[in-house]
N, C-alpha and C. Protein backbone atom coordinates (compact mmCIF):
# COMPACT_ATOMS: atom_id res chain seq x y z
N MET A 1 123.46 198.49 11.85
CA MET A 1 122.10 198.95 11.95
C MET A 1 121.23 197.94 12.69
N GLU A 2 121.44 196.69 12.34
CA GLU A 2 120.67 195.63 12.98
C GLU A 2 120.99 195.55 14.47
N LYS A 3 122.28 195.72 14.80
CA LYS A 3 122.70 195.68 16.20
C LYS A 3 122.08 196.83 16.98
N THR A 4 122.02 197.98 16.35
CA THR A 4 121.44 199.14 17.00
C THR A 4 119.97 198.91 17.30
N LYS A 5 119.29 198.32 16.37
CA LYS A 5 117.88 198.01 16.53
C LYS A 5 117.68 197.02 17.69
N LEU A 6 118.52 195.98 17.72
CA LEU A 6 118.44 194.98 18.78
C LEU A 6 118.74 195.60 20.14
N LEU A 7 119.73 196.48 20.21
CA LEU A 7 120.07 197.14 21.47
C LEU A 7 118.94 198.04 21.94
N LYS A 8 118.33 198.72 20.97
CA LYS A 8 117.21 199.59 21.32
C LYS A 8 116.03 198.78 21.85
N GLU A 9 115.74 197.66 21.21
CA GLU A 9 114.65 196.79 21.67
C GLU A 9 114.97 196.23 23.07
N GLU A 10 116.21 195.82 23.24
CA GLU A 10 116.63 195.29 24.54
C GLU A 10 116.52 196.36 25.62
N CYS A 11 116.91 197.56 25.26
CA CYS A 11 116.82 198.69 26.19
C CYS A 11 115.36 198.97 26.54
N ASN A 12 114.48 198.92 25.53
CA ASN A 12 113.05 199.11 25.76
C ASN A 12 112.50 198.02 26.68
N ASP A 13 112.94 196.78 26.46
CA ASP A 13 112.50 195.67 27.31
C ASP A 13 112.93 195.91 28.76
N TRP A 14 114.18 196.35 28.93
CA TRP A 14 114.67 196.61 30.30
C TRP A 14 113.90 197.78 30.93
N SER A 15 113.59 198.78 30.12
CA SER A 15 112.83 199.92 30.63
C SER A 15 111.43 199.48 31.07
N LYS A 16 110.79 198.65 30.23
CA LYS A 16 109.48 198.13 30.59
C LYS A 16 109.54 197.33 31.89
N LEU A 17 110.55 196.48 32.00
CA LEU A 17 110.72 195.67 33.20
C LEU A 17 110.98 196.56 34.42
N TYR A 18 111.79 197.60 34.22
CA TYR A 18 112.11 198.54 35.31
C TYR A 18 110.83 199.22 35.81
N TYR A 19 110.03 199.75 34.88
CA TYR A 19 108.81 200.46 35.28
C TYR A 19 107.78 199.50 35.88
N LYS A 20 107.73 198.28 35.35
CA LYS A 20 106.83 197.28 35.90
C LYS A 20 107.25 196.94 37.34
N THR A 21 108.55 196.82 37.55
CA THR A 21 109.08 196.54 38.89
C THR A 21 108.77 197.70 39.84
N LEU A 22 108.94 198.94 39.34
CA LEU A 22 108.62 200.12 40.16
C LEU A 22 107.16 200.14 40.56
N LYS A 23 106.29 199.83 39.61
CA LYS A 23 104.85 199.79 39.92
C LYS A 23 104.55 198.73 40.97
N GLY A 24 105.20 197.59 40.84
CA GLY A 24 105.03 196.52 41.83
C GLY A 24 105.49 196.97 43.21
N LEU A 25 106.63 197.64 43.26
CA LEU A 25 107.15 198.15 44.54
C LEU A 25 106.21 199.20 45.14
N GLU A 26 105.69 200.08 44.30
CA GLU A 26 104.74 201.09 44.77
C GLU A 26 103.49 200.43 45.35
N ALA A 27 103.01 199.39 44.68
CA ALA A 27 101.83 198.66 45.16
C ALA A 27 102.13 198.02 46.52
N MET A 28 103.33 197.44 46.66
CA MET A 28 103.72 196.82 47.93
C MET A 28 103.82 197.86 49.05
N ILE A 29 104.38 199.02 48.73
CA ILE A 29 104.50 200.10 49.71
C ILE A 29 103.12 200.59 50.14
N ASP A 30 102.22 200.76 49.16
CA ASP A 30 100.85 201.18 49.48
C ASP A 30 100.17 200.15 50.38
N MET A 31 100.36 198.87 50.06
CA MET A 31 99.76 197.81 50.87
C MET A 31 100.32 197.85 52.29
N GLN A 32 101.63 198.07 52.42
CA GLN A 32 102.25 198.13 53.74
C GLN A 32 101.70 199.32 54.53
N LYS A 33 101.51 200.46 53.88
CA LYS A 33 100.92 201.62 54.56
C LYS A 33 99.51 201.32 55.03
N GLN A 34 98.72 200.65 54.18
CA GLN A 34 97.36 200.29 54.55
C GLN A 34 97.35 199.35 55.76
N ILE A 35 98.26 198.39 55.75
CA ILE A 35 98.35 197.45 56.88
C ILE A 35 98.74 198.19 58.15
N GLN A 36 99.70 199.11 58.05
CA GLN A 36 100.09 199.90 59.22
C GLN A 36 98.91 200.72 59.75
N ASN A 37 98.13 201.31 58.84
CA ASN A 37 96.96 202.07 59.26
C ASN A 37 95.94 201.17 59.94
N MET A 38 95.73 199.97 59.39
CA MET A 38 94.80 199.02 60.01
C MET A 38 95.28 198.61 61.40
N MET A 39 96.59 198.45 61.54
CA MET A 39 97.14 198.08 62.86
C MET A 39 96.92 199.20 63.87
N LYS A 40 97.08 200.46 63.43
CA LYS A 40 96.82 201.60 64.32
C LYS A 40 95.36 201.62 64.73
N ILE A 41 94.47 201.40 63.77
CA ILE A 41 93.03 201.38 64.07
C ILE A 41 92.72 200.24 65.04
N ALA A 42 93.32 199.08 64.82
CA ALA A 42 93.09 197.93 65.70
C ALA A 42 93.59 198.23 67.12
N GLU A 43 94.73 198.90 67.23
CA GLU A 43 95.26 199.27 68.55
C GLU A 43 94.31 200.22 69.27
N GLU A 44 93.80 201.20 68.54
CA GLU A 44 92.84 202.15 69.13
C GLU A 44 91.57 201.43 69.56
N ALA A 45 91.08 200.54 68.71
CA ALA A 45 89.87 199.77 69.04
C ALA A 45 90.13 198.92 70.28
N ASN A 46 91.31 198.34 70.38
CA ASN A 46 91.66 197.52 71.54
C ASN A 46 91.68 198.36 72.81
N LYS A 47 92.21 199.59 72.72
CA LYS A 47 92.22 200.49 73.88
C LYS A 47 90.79 200.82 74.31
N ILE A 48 89.94 201.11 73.33
CA ILE A 48 88.55 201.45 73.64
C ILE A 48 87.84 200.27 74.28
N VAL A 49 88.05 199.07 73.74
CA VAL A 49 87.43 197.87 74.31
C VAL A 49 87.91 197.66 75.75
N THR A 50 89.20 197.87 75.98
CA THR A 50 89.74 197.73 77.33
C THR A 50 89.11 198.73 78.28
N GLU A 51 88.93 199.97 77.83
CA GLU A 51 88.27 200.99 78.66
C GLU A 51 86.83 200.60 78.95
N ILE A 52 86.13 200.08 77.94
CA ILE A 52 84.74 199.65 78.12
C ILE A 52 84.68 198.51 79.13
N GLU A 53 85.60 197.56 79.00
CA GLU A 53 85.63 196.44 79.95
C GLU A 53 85.83 196.94 81.37
N GLY A 54 86.75 197.91 81.52
CA GLY A 54 86.99 198.49 82.85
C GLY A 54 85.75 199.17 83.40
N THR A 55 85.06 199.90 82.55
CA THR A 55 83.84 200.59 82.98
C THR A 55 82.77 199.58 83.39
N ILE A 56 82.61 198.54 82.60
CA ILE A 56 81.62 197.50 82.92
C ILE A 56 81.99 196.82 84.24
N LEU A 57 83.26 196.54 84.43
CA LEU A 57 83.70 195.90 85.67
C LEU A 57 83.42 196.79 86.87
N LYS A 58 83.73 198.09 86.73
CA LYS A 58 83.44 199.03 87.82
C LYS A 58 81.95 199.08 88.11
N ALA A 59 81.15 199.14 87.06
CA ALA A 59 79.69 199.19 87.24
C ALA A 59 79.21 197.91 87.91
N SER A 60 79.78 196.79 87.53
CA SER A 60 79.40 195.51 88.11
C SER A 60 79.75 195.47 89.60
N ILE A 61 80.95 195.95 89.94
CA ILE A 61 81.36 195.99 91.35
C ILE A 61 80.46 196.93 92.13
N ASN A 62 80.19 198.10 91.56
CA ASN A 62 79.29 199.05 92.24
C ASN A 62 77.91 198.46 92.42
N ASN A 63 77.43 197.76 91.42
CA ASN A 63 76.12 197.13 91.49
C ASN A 63 76.12 196.05 92.57
N TRP A 64 77.18 195.26 92.64
CA TRP A 64 77.30 194.22 93.65
C TRP A 64 77.27 194.83 95.05
N VAL A 65 78.03 195.92 95.24
CA VAL A 65 78.07 196.59 96.54
C VAL A 65 76.69 197.14 96.90
N THR A 66 76.04 197.74 95.92
CA THR A 66 74.69 198.28 96.15
C THR A 66 73.72 197.16 96.53
N ASN A 67 73.79 196.06 95.79
CA ASN A 67 72.90 194.92 96.10
C ASN A 67 73.19 194.37 97.49
N ALA A 68 74.45 194.23 97.83
CA ALA A 68 74.82 193.72 99.16
C ALA A 68 74.31 194.68 100.25
N THR A 69 74.47 195.98 100.02
CA THR A 69 73.99 196.97 100.97
C THR A 69 72.48 196.90 101.12
N ASP A 70 71.78 196.76 100.00
CA ASP A 70 70.32 196.64 100.04
C ASP A 70 69.89 195.39 100.80
N ILE A 71 70.56 194.28 100.55
CA ILE A 71 70.22 193.03 101.24
C ILE A 71 70.44 193.16 102.74
N LEU A 72 71.56 193.79 103.12
CA LEU A 72 71.83 194.00 104.55
C LEU A 72 70.76 194.89 105.16
N GLY A 73 70.34 195.91 104.43
CA GLY A 73 69.28 196.80 104.91
C GLY A 73 67.97 196.04 105.11
N ILE A 74 67.65 195.17 104.16
CA ILE A 74 66.43 194.38 104.25
C ILE A 74 66.51 193.44 105.45
N LEU A 75 67.68 192.82 105.65
CA LEU A 75 67.85 191.93 106.80
C LEU A 75 67.66 192.68 108.12
N LYS A 76 68.22 193.87 108.20
CA LYS A 76 68.06 194.67 109.42
C LYS A 76 66.59 195.02 109.63
N ASP A 77 65.89 195.39 108.56
CA ASP A 77 64.46 195.71 108.67
C ASP A 77 63.67 194.49 109.12
N LEU A 78 64.00 193.32 108.57
CA LEU A 78 63.31 192.10 108.97
C LEU A 78 63.58 191.77 110.43
N GLN A 79 64.84 191.93 110.84
CA GLN A 79 65.17 191.69 112.25
C GLN A 79 64.37 192.61 113.16
N TYR A 80 64.27 193.85 112.78
CA TYR A 80 63.52 194.83 113.56
C TYR A 80 62.05 194.42 113.64
N LEU A 81 61.48 194.01 112.49
CA LEU A 81 60.07 193.60 112.46
C LEU A 81 59.85 192.36 113.33
N VAL A 82 60.75 191.39 113.21
CA VAL A 82 60.61 190.17 114.02
C VAL A 82 60.71 190.52 115.49
N GLN A 83 61.68 191.34 115.87
CA GLN A 83 61.85 191.71 117.28
C GLN A 83 60.64 192.49 117.77
N SER A 84 60.13 193.37 116.91
CA SER A 84 58.95 194.17 117.31
C SER A 84 57.76 193.28 117.54
N ASN A 85 57.56 192.29 116.68
CA ASN A 85 56.44 191.37 116.80
C ASN A 85 56.60 190.46 118.01
N MET A 86 57.82 190.12 118.35
CA MET A 86 58.05 189.24 119.50
C MET A 86 57.80 189.99 120.80
N GLU A 87 58.06 191.26 120.81
CA GLU A 87 57.88 192.07 122.02
C GLU A 87 56.40 192.32 122.27
N ASP A 88 55.61 192.32 121.22
CA ASP A 88 54.17 192.60 121.38
C ASP A 88 53.46 191.44 121.93
């Protein structure tokens, strides 16, 4: 009778340990899923940032070209004014 009681207690202890281990594994799996989701979000954010950088770079290049074109136009206008004044 005593042995049966001890075996039952030991079995209960192993069952408790088993379920505790399962809960720990479930928590680890949940954490791994959360980390994977965060990595996916970070990848998407990185893609968006890269697209934004590309857009800013294109806008900067376009702005530079526009400014250069404007400066050349101003230079031509100034040349014309100087030549016109010299001819008078």
